[in-house]
Structure formats: structure tokens, C-alpha cells
Amino acid sequence: MPLPQFPTPEQARDELIGIVTSLSYVTGTELRLASGQTSSYYFNMKPTMLDARGAFLIGLLILDRIEPMQVSLVGGLEMGAVPLATAVAAVSAAKGEPVSAFFVRKQAKDHGTQSLIEGLAKDETMEQRRVVILEDVTTTGGSALKAVETVRAAGAEVAAVITVLDRQEGAGAVFTKAGVPFHALMTKADIVGAA
């Protein structure tokens, strides 16, 4: 079965910016962010991440970024990273370059495996795994940093943090201090400046 045609990274990014602007950019009302800060604009990335084309483009762009990193897993903190990691896993399989997904719970359940890290097969661990942490929107970096700390404590090496959108409010410095490369598929300037 032949592989489908994929857009170039530049085409995919331009199209994704349009989808984010259309589906996920909210302005005009003061809203509280996960960081605790308030803002007159907000990026609700869930409609884009759960849109068929949006998910495909996100998966394609993240896969393009991680290709030279030689990672075996992608994931991040629930809830935002779950559709991102799933998109990457699905697109990677379609391209014949499978990368599996995981997610980090904010709190372990009191039943079942009681694990903070979900998605690994019954005999798998994070020990000596090279992973990328994903996030939908990054403001201060606190949420992704929690995922970084959790997977490091489980024995993984974090190759990078990749966010769909960087609000450009200090996260880069946080990840530099933590010794983790930080990449954004787009920044708020790509949307706010163009909208």
C-alpha cells in the first residue's frame, strides 16, 4: 500500500497556524491561564488538537522535529499532551517510522497499577528511554516541567520539550535552566500579530 502524500513542514505549519487562528484563538475577555496569570487572549488548543486535519498536521510537524533526536516515546502531562502524543504515534505509524506514546498523570490513581506514567506495555519501563515531552500551549513551562521531572525520576532521558504554541512568557528560560531543549511549532506572534 503506497504511503499518502504529506505536505512539507512549511506547508503544514502555515496550514496549522490558520487552523489555530480559526478554532483555538479567543480574544476580548480576561481569562485565567493554567499558570495563574490572566490574559485578554487565550489559546484553547483542544478544538485544534481534536480536529482531524489539525491533529494530523500537529503529528506531522512534531514528528519532523523529533526525527533527528532518535526518541522512542513521546508524551506529557494529562490532559493536553494526550491528543498530541496520540497524533504523533498515528502519523509515525502511517509514515512507517513508529514512535509510541505515553502520558503522565497529575496524580496516581488509588487503584489498578497506581502508576504516574501510563501507556507503557506491561513489561516496559522508562529506564534509559529517550523521550520528548509534549505540550499544547506553554506559558511559564510549569506543566511540562512537572512531566520532565516525573519521567526523569522514572529513569528516562528527556531529549526536548515541544509545544504547539509558545506564549513567549518565559518558558524558554525555565527549560534552559532545567537542561532541556525547548521547541515551539509556533508562537503567539504568529497568531496575535496576524489576527
Foldseek 3Di string as FASTA:
>chain_A
DDFDDDDDLVVLLVVLLVVQLVPFKDAQDWDADPVRDTDRIGGPCVVQLPDPSSLLSLLVNVCVVCVVVPFQEEEFEPDFGVSSRVSVQVNCVSVVNGHHYKYAYPAFDPDDPSHRIDDDPPPDFQAAGEYEYEGAEAAQQPRRVVRVVRSVVRHHHYAAYEYQEYQPHHNCVVCVVVVHHYYYSYYVCSNVVVD
